[in-house]
């Protein structure tokens, strides 16, 4: 009986299984980190019909470079609304951003608004150190997979035979 051959085949099967499982975990971890560390473009996100001094909430943590269009396609001047980021939605209790039309909003702009800008999802990691650590977790997990896959080969000198 050739025990060296059995150990070699068993080791190869074990390494292959660890590589496949590790790659699956790496993909899901990287996707989660990507969603938490990247901003997303916000293009024509519709709001409910706006009324003066009534907040409308969007399910984003924050939005920058805000441009608002009304139903007729015209741009709503920035003097007609106030944007507040990182607020609590009074209806759902979730973190959101709110747009509040000013009390003197012209009736020409009291329609359904379409909001555009650069948005942070509600899962966004606000601190730059936290985003860096999340990215490092992915890198070190990938290195761990490489070490786990290569260590039996190096330790048992399977390639040297």
N, C-alpha and C. Protein backbone atom coordinates (compact mmCIF):
# COMPACT_ATOMS: atom_id res chain seq x y z
N UNK A 1 0.84 -1.17 0.00
CA UNK A 1 0.00 0.00 0.00
C UNK A 1 0.88 1.24 0.00
N UNK A 2 0.55 2.20 -0.85
CA UNK A 2 1.35 3.41 -1.01
C UNK A 2 0.74 4.53 -0.18
N UNK A 3 1.23 4.68 1.05
CA UNK A 3 0.67 5.70 1.94
C UNK A 3 1.03 7.11 1.48
N UNK A 4 2.16 7.30 0.83
CA UNK A 4 2.54 8.62 0.34
C UNK A 4 1.55 9.09 -0.72
N UNK A 5 1.15 8.21 -1.59
CA UNK A 5 0.18 8.57 -2.62
C UNK A 5 -1.17 8.88 -2.03
N UNK A 6 -1.58 8.12 -1.01
CA UNK A 6 -2.86 8.38 -0.36
C UNK A 6 -2.85 9.71 0.36
N UNK A 7 -1.74 10.01 1.02
CA UNK A 7 -1.64 11.29 1.72
C UNK A 7 -1.64 12.42 0.70
N UNK A 8 -0.97 12.26 -0.40
CA UNK A 8 -0.92 13.29 -1.44
C UNK A 8 -2.28 13.57 -2.04
N UNK A 9 -3.02 12.51 -2.36
CA UNK A 9 -4.36 12.70 -2.95
C UNK A 9 -5.30 13.30 -1.91
N UNK A 10 -5.24 12.80 -0.69
CA UNK A 10 -6.09 13.35 0.38
C UNK A 10 -5.80 14.81 0.63
N UNK A 11 -4.51 15.17 0.60
CA UNK A 11 -4.11 16.55 0.82
C UNK A 11 -4.62 17.44 -0.33
N UNK A 12 -4.53 16.94 -1.54
CA UNK A 12 -4.99 17.72 -2.69
C UNK A 12 -6.50 17.95 -2.62
N UNK A 13 -7.25 16.93 -2.24
CA UNK A 13 -8.70 17.06 -2.12
C UNK A 13 -9.04 18.06 -1.00
N UNK A 14 -8.34 17.95 0.13
CA UNK A 14 -8.60 18.86 1.24
C UNK A 14 -8.28 20.30 0.87
N UNK A 15 -7.16 20.50 0.19
CA UNK A 15 -6.77 21.86 -0.23
C UNK A 15 -7.78 22.41 -1.23
N UNK A 16 -8.25 21.56 -2.15
CA UNK A 16 -9.23 22.02 -3.14
C UNK A 16 -10.53 22.44 -2.46
N UNK A 17 -10.98 21.65 -1.49
CA UNK A 17 -12.21 22.00 -0.77
C UNK A 17 -12.03 23.31 -0.01
N UNK A 18 -10.88 23.48 0.67
CA UNK A 18 -10.63 24.72 1.41
C UNK A 18 -10.56 25.92 0.46
N UNK A 19 -9.98 25.73 -0.71
CA UNK A 19 -9.89 26.83 -1.67
C UNK A 19 -11.27 27.23 -2.18
N UNK A 20 -12.11 26.26 -2.47
CA UNK A 20 -13.45 26.55 -2.97
C UNK A 20 -14.29 27.26 -1.90
N UNK A 21 -14.29 26.71 -0.69
CA UNK A 21 -15.05 27.33 0.40
C UNK A 21 -14.52 28.72 0.71
N UNK A 22 -13.20 28.87 0.73
CA UNK A 22 -12.60 30.18 0.99
C UNK A 22 -12.96 31.19 -0.08
N UNK A 23 -12.98 30.77 -1.34
CA UNK A 23 -13.33 31.69 -2.43
C UNK A 23 -14.79 32.13 -2.32
N UNK A 24 -15.66 31.22 -1.91
CA UNK A 24 -17.07 31.58 -1.74
C UNK A 24 -17.23 32.60 -0.62
N UNK A 25 -16.57 32.34 0.52
CA UNK A 25 -16.62 33.30 1.63
C UNK A 25 -16.00 34.63 1.25
N UNK A 26 -14.88 34.59 0.52
CA UNK A 26 -14.20 35.82 0.11
C UNK A 26 -15.11 36.69 -0.75
N UNK A 27 -15.84 36.06 -1.66
CA UNK A 27 -16.74 36.82 -2.53
C UNK A 27 -17.84 37.50 -1.72
N UNK A 28 -18.45 36.78 -0.79
CA UNK A 28 -19.54 37.39 -0.01
C UNK A 28 -19.01 38.49 0.91
N UNK A 29 -17.83 38.27 1.50
CA UNK A 29 -17.24 39.30 2.36
C UNK A 29 -16.90 40.54 1.54
N UNK A 30 -16.30 40.35 0.39
CA UNK A 30 -15.91 41.49 -0.45
C UNK A 30 -17.13 42.28 -0.92
N UNK A 31 -18.23 41.60 -1.23
CA UNK A 31 -19.44 42.31 -1.64
C UNK A 31 -20.00 43.13 -0.50
N UNK A 32 -20.02 42.57 0.70
CA UNK A 32 -20.53 43.30 1.86
C UNK A 32 -19.67 44.52 2.16
N UNK A 33 -18.36 44.35 2.07
CA UNK A 33 -17.46 45.48 2.32
C UNK A 33 -17.63 46.53 1.24
N UNK A 34 -17.79 46.10 0.00
CA UNK A 34 -17.99 47.05 -1.09
C UNK A 34 -19.25 47.89 -0.91
N UNK A 35 -20.32 47.27 -0.43
CA UNK A 35 -21.56 48.01 -0.19
C UNK A 35 -21.41 48.98 0.97
N UNK A 36 -20.53 48.67 1.90
CA UNK A 36 -20.36 49.50 3.09
C UNK A 36 -19.33 50.60 2.93
N UNK A 37 -18.52 50.54 1.90
CA UNK A 37 -17.44 51.52 1.76
C UNK A 37 -17.54 52.38 0.51
N UNK A 38 -18.50 52.12 -0.36
CA UNK A 38 -18.62 52.87 -1.60
C UNK A 38 -19.91 53.70 -1.63
N UNK A 39 -19.81 54.90 -2.17
CA UNK A 39 -21.01 55.70 -2.40
C UNK A 39 -21.67 55.23 -3.69
N UNK A 40 -22.92 55.57 -3.86
CA UNK A 40 -23.66 55.16 -5.04
C UNK A 40 -24.25 56.39 -5.72
N UNK A 41 -24.38 56.34 -7.04
CA UNK A 41 -25.04 57.47 -7.71
C UNK A 41 -26.54 57.41 -7.46
N UNK A 42 -27.11 58.54 -7.19
CA UNK A 42 -28.55 58.65 -6.97
C UNK A 42 -29.10 59.40 -8.18
N UNK A 43 -29.90 58.72 -8.98
CA UNK A 43 -30.40 59.31 -10.21
C UNK A 43 -31.91 59.27 -10.22
N UNK A 44 -32.52 60.44 -10.21
CA UNK A 44 -33.97 60.59 -10.33
C UNK A 44 -34.76 59.72 -9.34
N UNK A 45 -34.37 59.75 -8.08
CA UNK A 45 -35.10 59.04 -7.02
C UNK A 45 -36.37 59.84 -6.73
N UNK A 46 -37.52 59.23 -6.95
CA UNK A 46 -38.79 59.92 -6.77
C UNK A 46 -39.15 60.06 -5.30
N UNK A 47 -39.74 61.18 -4.97
CA UNK A 47 -40.25 61.41 -3.62
C UNK A 47 -41.78 61.45 -3.69
N UNK A 48 -42.39 61.46 -2.56
CA UNK A 48 -43.83 61.65 -2.51
C UNK A 48 -44.12 63.11 -2.89
N UNK A 49 -45.38 63.40 -3.14
CA UNK A 49 -45.75 64.78 -3.44
C UNK A 49 -45.34 65.66 -2.27
N UNK A 50 -44.59 66.70 -2.55
CA UNK A 50 -44.05 67.53 -1.48
C UNK A 50 -45.06 68.60 -1.08
N UNK A 51 -44.99 68.94 0.18
CA UNK A 51 -45.78 70.04 0.72
C UNK A 51 -44.85 70.91 1.54
N UNK A 52 -45.10 72.18 1.56
CA UNK A 52 -44.23 73.13 2.25
C UNK A 52 -44.05 72.73 3.72
N UNK A 53 -42.82 72.80 4.19
CA UNK A 53 -42.43 72.53 5.58
C UNK A 53 -42.70 71.11 6.06
N UNK A 54 -42.90 70.17 5.13
CA UNK A 54 -43.10 68.77 5.48
C UNK A 54 -41.92 67.96 4.95
N UNK A 55 -41.25 67.26 5.84
CA UNK A 55 -40.05 66.50 5.46
C UNK A 55 -40.42 65.26 4.65
N UNK A 56 -39.64 65.03 3.62
CA UNK A 56 -39.72 63.81 2.83
C UNK A 56 -38.41 63.05 3.04
N UNK A 57 -38.48 61.76 3.31
CA UNK A 57 -37.29 60.98 3.64
C UNK A 57 -36.89 60.06 2.49
N UNK A 58 -35.59 59.93 2.29
CA UNK A 58 -35.04 58.96 1.35
C UNK A 58 -34.18 57.99 2.15
N UNK A 59 -34.17 56.74 1.78
CA UNK A 59 -33.46 55.71 2.54
C UNK A 59 -31.96 55.68 2.21
N UNK A 60 -31.33 56.79 2.45
CA UNK A 60 -29.88 56.92 2.32
C UNK A 60 -29.36 57.63 3.55
N UNK A 61 -28.13 57.34 3.91
CA UNK A 61 -27.52 57.97 5.07
C UNK A 61 -27.29 59.46 4.81
N UNK A 62 -26.76 59.77 3.64
CA UNK A 62 -26.48 61.16 3.28
C UNK A 62 -26.44 61.27 1.76
N UNK A 63 -26.71 62.46 1.27
CA UNK A 63 -26.64 62.74 -0.16
C UNK A 63 -25.91 64.06 -0.34
N UNK A 64 -24.95 64.07 -1.26
CA UNK A 64 -24.24 65.31 -1.57
C UNK A 64 -24.47 65.65 -3.04
N UNK A 65 -24.13 66.87 -3.40
CA UNK A 65 -24.32 67.36 -4.78
C UNK A 65 -25.76 67.18 -5.23
N UNK A 66 -26.69 67.62 -4.40
CA UNK A 66 -28.11 67.39 -4.64
C UNK A 66 -28.63 68.31 -5.75
N UNK A 67 -29.35 67.70 -6.70
CA UNK A 67 -30.09 68.42 -7.73
C UNK A 67 -31.48 67.83 -7.74
N UNK A 68 -32.49 68.70 -7.67
CA UNK A 68 -33.87 68.23 -7.61
C UNK A 68 -34.63 68.77 -8.83
N UNK A 69 -35.35 67.85 -9.47
CA UNK A 69 -36.20 68.20 -10.60
C UNK A 69 -37.65 67.99 -10.19
N UNK A 70 -38.55 68.84 -10.70
CA UNK A 70 -39.96 68.59 -10.43
C UNK A 70 -40.55 67.79 -11.58
N UNK A 71 -41.85 67.47 -11.49
CA UNK A 71 -42.50 66.63 -12.50
C UNK A 71 -42.42 67.21 -13.90
N UNK A 72 -42.42 68.51 -13.98
CA UNK A 72 -42.41 69.14 -15.30
C UNK A 72 -41.02 69.17 -15.92
N UNK A 73 -40.01 68.68 -15.20
CA UNK A 73 -38.65 68.62 -15.74
C UNK A 73 -37.79 69.80 -15.38
N UNK A 74 -38.36 70.78 -14.73
CA UNK A 74 -37.58 71.95 -14.34
C UNK A 74 -36.78 71.70 -13.08
N UNK A 75 -35.66 72.39 -12.96
CA UNK A 75 -34.83 72.28 -11.76
C UNK A 75 -35.44 73.11 -10.65
N UNK A 76 -35.56 72.52 -9.48
CA UNK A 76 -36.07 73.23 -8.31
C UNK A 76 -34.90 74.00 -7.71
N UNK A 77 -35.02 75.32 -7.59
CA UNK A 77 -33.92 76.10 -7.01
C UNK A 77 -33.60 75.66 -5.58
N UNK A 78 -32.33 75.71 -5.22
CA UNK A 78 -31.89 75.27 -3.89
C UNK A 78 -32.52 76.09 -2.77
N UNK A 79 -32.97 77.30 -3.05
CA UNK A 79 -33.60 78.12 -2.02
C UNK A 79 -34.97 77.57 -1.62
N UNK A 80 -35.51 76.62 -2.39
CA UNK A 80 -36.84 76.10 -2.12
C UNK A 80 -36.85 74.82 -1.28
N UNK A 81 -35.68 74.36 -0.82
CA UNK A 81 -35.65 73.14 0.00
C UNK A 81 -34.43 73.14 0.90
N UNK A 82 -34.50 72.31 1.93
CA UNK A 82 -33.38 72.10 2.84
C UNK A 82 -33.10 70.61 2.92
N UNK A 83 -31.83 70.24 2.80
CA UNK A 83 -31.43 68.84 2.89
C UNK A 83 -30.77 68.62 4.25
N UNK A 84 -31.21 67.58 4.96
CA UNK A 84 -30.60 67.21 6.23
C UNK A 84 -30.15 65.76 6.14
N UNK A 85 -28.86 65.53 6.34
CA UNK A 85 -28.30 64.19 6.27
C UNK A 85 -28.22 63.57 7.66
N UNK A 86 -28.21 62.25 7.71
CA UNK A 86 -28.06 61.49 8.96
C UNK A 86 -29.13 61.85 9.99
N UNK A 87 -30.37 61.81 9.58
CA UNK A 87 -31.47 62.07 10.51
C UNK A 87 -32.29 60.79 10.69
N UNK A 88 -33.09 60.77 11.71
CA UNK A 88 -33.95 59.62 11.98
C UNK A 88 -35.30 59.86 11.31
N UNK A 89 -35.71 58.91 10.48
CA UNK A 89 -37.02 58.99 9.82
C UNK A 89 -38.09 58.90 10.91
N UNK A 90 -38.93 59.90 11.00
CA UNK A 90 -39.93 59.96 12.07
C UNK A 90 -41.00 58.88 11.93
N UNK A 91 -41.15 58.30 10.75
CA UNK A 91 -42.17 57.27 10.54
C UNK A 91 -41.61 55.88 10.85
N UNK A 92 -40.43 55.55 10.29
CA UNK A 92 -39.88 54.20 10.43
C UNK A 92 -38.84 54.08 11.53
N UNK A 93 -38.24 55.18 11.94
CA UNK A 93 -37.18 55.14 12.94
C UNK A 93 -35.82 54.77 12.38
N UNK A 94 -35.71 54.66 11.06
CA UNK A 94 -34.45 54.32 10.42
C UNK A 94 -33.62 55.56 10.14
N UNK A 95 -32.33 55.35 9.95
CA UNK A 95 -31.43 56.44 9.56
C UNK A 95 -31.74 56.80 8.12
N UNK A 96 -31.85 58.09 7.83
CA UNK A 96 -32.22 58.54 6.49
C UNK A 96 -31.72 59.96 6.27
N UNK A 97 -32.00 60.46 5.10
CA UNK A 97 -31.78 61.88 4.83
C UNK A 97 -33.13 62.48 4.49
N UNK A 98 -33.31 63.74 4.84
CA UNK A 98 -34.61 64.36 4.61
C UNK A 98 -34.48 65.58 3.72
N UNK A 99 -35.52 65.81 2.97
CA UNK A 99 -35.64 67.02 2.15
C UNK A 99 -36.91 67.72 2.61
N UNK A 100 -36.75 68.96 3.03
CA UNK A 100 -37.88 69.73 3.51
C UNK A 100 -38.06 70.97 2.64
N UNK A 101 -39.18 71.06 1.92
CA UNK A 101 -39.43 72.27 1.16
C UNK A 101 -39.62 73.46 2.11
N UNK A 102 -39.13 74.60 1.73
CA UNK A 102 -39.27 75.78 2.58
C UNK A 102 -40.72 76.25 2.57
N UNK A 103 -41.06 77.04 3.56
CA UNK A 103 -42.44 77.52 3.70
C UNK A 103 -42.87 78.37 2.52
N UNK A 104 -41.92 79.04 1.89
CA UNK A 104 -42.27 79.93 0.78
C UNK A 104 -42.04 79.26 -0.58
N UNK A 105 -42.12 77.93 -0.64
CA UNK A 105 -41.93 77.22 -1.90
C UNK A 105 -43.01 77.63 -2.88
N UNK A 106 -42.59 78.02 -4.06
CA UNK A 106 -43.49 78.43 -5.12
C UNK A 106 -44.40 77.25 -5.50
N UNK A 107 -45.65 77.50 -5.75
CA UNK A 107 -46.58 76.43 -6.11
C UNK A 107 -46.17 75.72 -7.40
N UNK A 108 -45.30 76.34 -8.21
CA UNK A 108 -44.80 75.68 -9.42
C UNK A 108 -43.95 74.47 -9.07
N UNK A 109 -43.42 74.42 -7.85
CA UNK A 109 -42.51 73.33 -7.47
C UNK A 109 -43.16 72.32 -6.54
N UNK A 110 -44.44 72.45 -6.23
CA UNK A 110 -45.11 71.52 -5.32
C UNK A 110 -45.68 70.34 -6.10
N UNK A 111 -44.77 69.47 -6.54
CA UNK A 111 -45.13 68.25 -7.25
C UNK A 111 -44.27 67.13 -6.69
N UNK A 112 -44.33 65.99 -7.36
CA UNK A 112 -43.40 64.91 -7.02
C UNK A 112 -42.02 65.34 -7.50
N UNK A 113 -41.05 65.25 -6.62
CA UNK A 113 -39.68 65.64 -6.97
C UNK A 113 -38.85 64.42 -7.31
N UNK A 114 -37.85 64.63 -8.17
CA UNK A 114 -36.88 63.59 -8.50
C UNK A 114 -35.52 64.10 -8.04
N UNK A 115 -34.89 63.35 -7.13
CA UNK A 115 -33.65 63.77 -6.50
C UNK A 115 -32.47 63.04 -7.15
N UNK A 116 -31.42 63.79 -7.45
CA UNK A 116 -30.19 63.22 -7.99
C UNK A 116 -29.02 63.72 -7.16
N UNK A 117 -27.96 62.93 -7.13
CA UNK A 117 -26.76 63.31 -6.39
C UNK A 117 -25.89 62.09 -6.13
N UNK A 118 -24.99 62.22 -5.16
CA UNK A 118 -24.14 61.12 -4.74
C UNK A 118 -24.58 60.72 -3.34
N UNK A 119 -24.95 59.45 -3.18
CA UNK A 119 -25.56 59.01 -1.92
C UNK A 119 -24.68 58.01 -1.18
N UNK A 120 -24.79 58.05 0.13
CA UNK A 120 -24.19 57.05 0.99
C UNK A 120 -25.30 56.11 1.42
N UNK A 121 -25.18 54.79 1.15
CA UNK A 121 -26.21 53.86 1.61
C UNK A 121 -26.30 53.87 3.14
N UNK A 122 -27.38 53.35 3.67
CA UNK A 122 -27.55 53.34 5.13
C UNK A 122 -26.51 52.48 5.82
N UNK A 123 -25.89 51.54 5.10
CA UNK A 123 -24.85 50.69 5.68
C UNK A 123 -23.46 51.29 5.53
N UNK A 124 -23.36 52.50 5.00
CA UNK A 124 -22.06 53.12 4.72
C UNK A 124 -21.28 53.36 6.01
N UNK A 125 -19.99 53.04 5.98
CA UNK A 125 -19.11 53.29 7.12
C UNK A 125 -18.59 54.72 6.97
N UNK A 126 -18.99 55.59 7.87
CA UNK A 126 -18.69 57.02 7.72
C UNK A 126 -17.23 57.35 7.97
N UNK A 127 -16.58 56.64 8.89
CA UNK A 127 -15.21 56.98 9.25
C UNK A 127 -14.23 56.36 8.25
N UNK A 128 -13.24 57.14 7.84
CA UNK A 128 -12.28 56.65 6.85
C UNK A 128 -11.44 55.50 7.42
N UNK A 129 -11.16 55.53 8.72
CA UNK A 129 -10.42 54.44 9.34
C UNK A 129 -11.20 53.14 9.31
N UNK A 130 -12.50 53.22 9.53
CA UNK A 130 -13.36 52.04 9.46
C UNK A 130 -13.42 51.46 8.06
N UNK A 131 -13.48 52.34 7.05
CA UNK A 131 -13.48 51.86 5.66
C UNK A 131 -12.17 51.19 5.32
N UNK A 132 -11.06 51.75 5.80
CA UNK A 132 -9.74 51.15 5.55
C UNK A 132 -9.64 49.79 6.23
N UNK A 133 -10.12 49.68 7.46
CA UNK A 133 -10.07 48.40 8.17
C UNK A 133 -10.94 47.35 7.46
N UNK A 134 -12.09 47.75 6.96
CA UNK A 134 -12.96 46.80 6.26
C UNK A 134 -12.25 46.27 5.01
N UNK A 135 -11.57 47.15 4.29
CA UNK A 135 -10.83 46.71 3.11
C UNK A 135 -9.66 45.82 3.49
N UNK A 136 -9.00 46.10 4.62
CA UNK A 136 -7.89 45.26 5.08
C UNK A 136 -8.38 43.87 5.47
N UNK A 137 -9.58 43.77 6.00
CA UNK A 137 -10.13 42.46 6.34
C UNK A 137 -10.22 41.59 5.10
N UNK A 138 -10.67 42.17 3.99
CA UNK A 138 -10.77 41.40 2.74
C UNK A 138 -9.38 40.97 2.28
N UNK A 139 -8.42 41.89 2.33
CA UNK A 139 -7.06 41.56 1.88
C UNK A 139 -6.44 40.46 2.73
N UNK A 140 -6.57 40.57 4.04
CA UNK A 140 -5.99 39.55 4.90
C UNK A 140 -6.72 38.21 4.79
N UNK A 141 -8.00 38.23 4.52
CA UNK A 141 -8.72 36.98 4.31
C UNK A 141 -8.22 36.30 3.04
N UNK A 142 -7.98 37.08 1.99
CA UNK A 142 -7.43 36.51 0.75
C UNK A 142 -6.03 35.94 0.99
N UNK A 143 -5.22 36.64 1.78
CA UNK A 143 -3.89 36.11 2.11
C UNK A 143 -4.00 34.83 2.94
N UNK A 144 -4.96 34.77 3.84
CA UNK A 144 -5.17 33.56 4.63
C UNK A 144 -5.52 32.38 3.74
N UNK A 145 -6.37 32.59 2.76
CA UNK A 145 -6.72 31.51 1.83
C UNK A 145 -5.47 31.04 1.09
N UNK A 146 -4.64 31.98 0.64
CA UNK A 146 -3.41 31.60 -0.07
C UNK A 146 -2.48 30.79 0.84
N UNK A 147 -2.34 31.19 2.09
CA UNK A 147 -1.48 30.47 3.03
C UNK A 147 -2.04 29.07 3.29
N UNK A 148 -3.34 28.96 3.50
CA UNK A 148 -3.95 27.66 3.78
C UNK A 148 -3.79 26.73 2.58
N UNK A 149 -3.92 27.26 1.39
CA UNK A 149 -3.79 26.44 0.19
C UNK A 149 -2.34 26.04 -0.07
N UNK A 150 -1.41 26.94 0.18
CA UNK A 150 0.00 26.66 -0.13
C UNK A 150 0.75 25.94 0.99
N UNK A 151 0.32 26.07 2.22
CA UNK A 151 1.11 25.51 3.32
C UNK A 151 1.26 23.99 3.26
N UNK A 152 0.24 23.18 2.91
CA UNK A 152 0.48 21.74 2.82
C UNK A 152 1.49 21.39 1.73
N UNK A 153 1.46 22.14 0.66
CA UNK A 153 2.40 21.89 -0.43
C UNK A 153 3.83 22.17 0.00
N UNK A 154 4.02 23.26 0.68
CA UNK A 154 5.36 23.63 1.13
C UNK A 154 5.81 22.72 2.27
N UNK A 155 4.92 22.43 3.20
CA UNK A 155 5.27 21.62 4.38
C UNK A 155 5.63 20.19 3.99
N UNK A 156 4.86 19.57 3.15
CA UNK A 156 5.09 18.17 2.78
C UNK A 156 5.96 18.03 1.54
N UNK A 157 6.35 19.13 0.96
CA UNK A 157 7.21 19.11 -0.23
C UNK A 157 6.62 18.23 -1.33
N UNK A 158 5.30 18.39 -1.55
CA UNK A 158 4.63 17.57 -2.55
C UNK A 158 5.12 17.88 -3.97
N UNK A 159 5.50 19.12 -4.19
CA UNK A 159 5.96 19.47 -5.53
C UNK A 159 7.39 19.01 -5.80
N UNK A 160 8.15 18.71 -4.74
CA UNK A 160 9.54 18.31 -4.92
C UNK A 160 9.70 16.86 -5.31
N UNK A 161 8.62 16.09 -5.28
CA UNK A 161 8.71 14.66 -5.58
C UNK A 161 8.89 14.44 -7.05
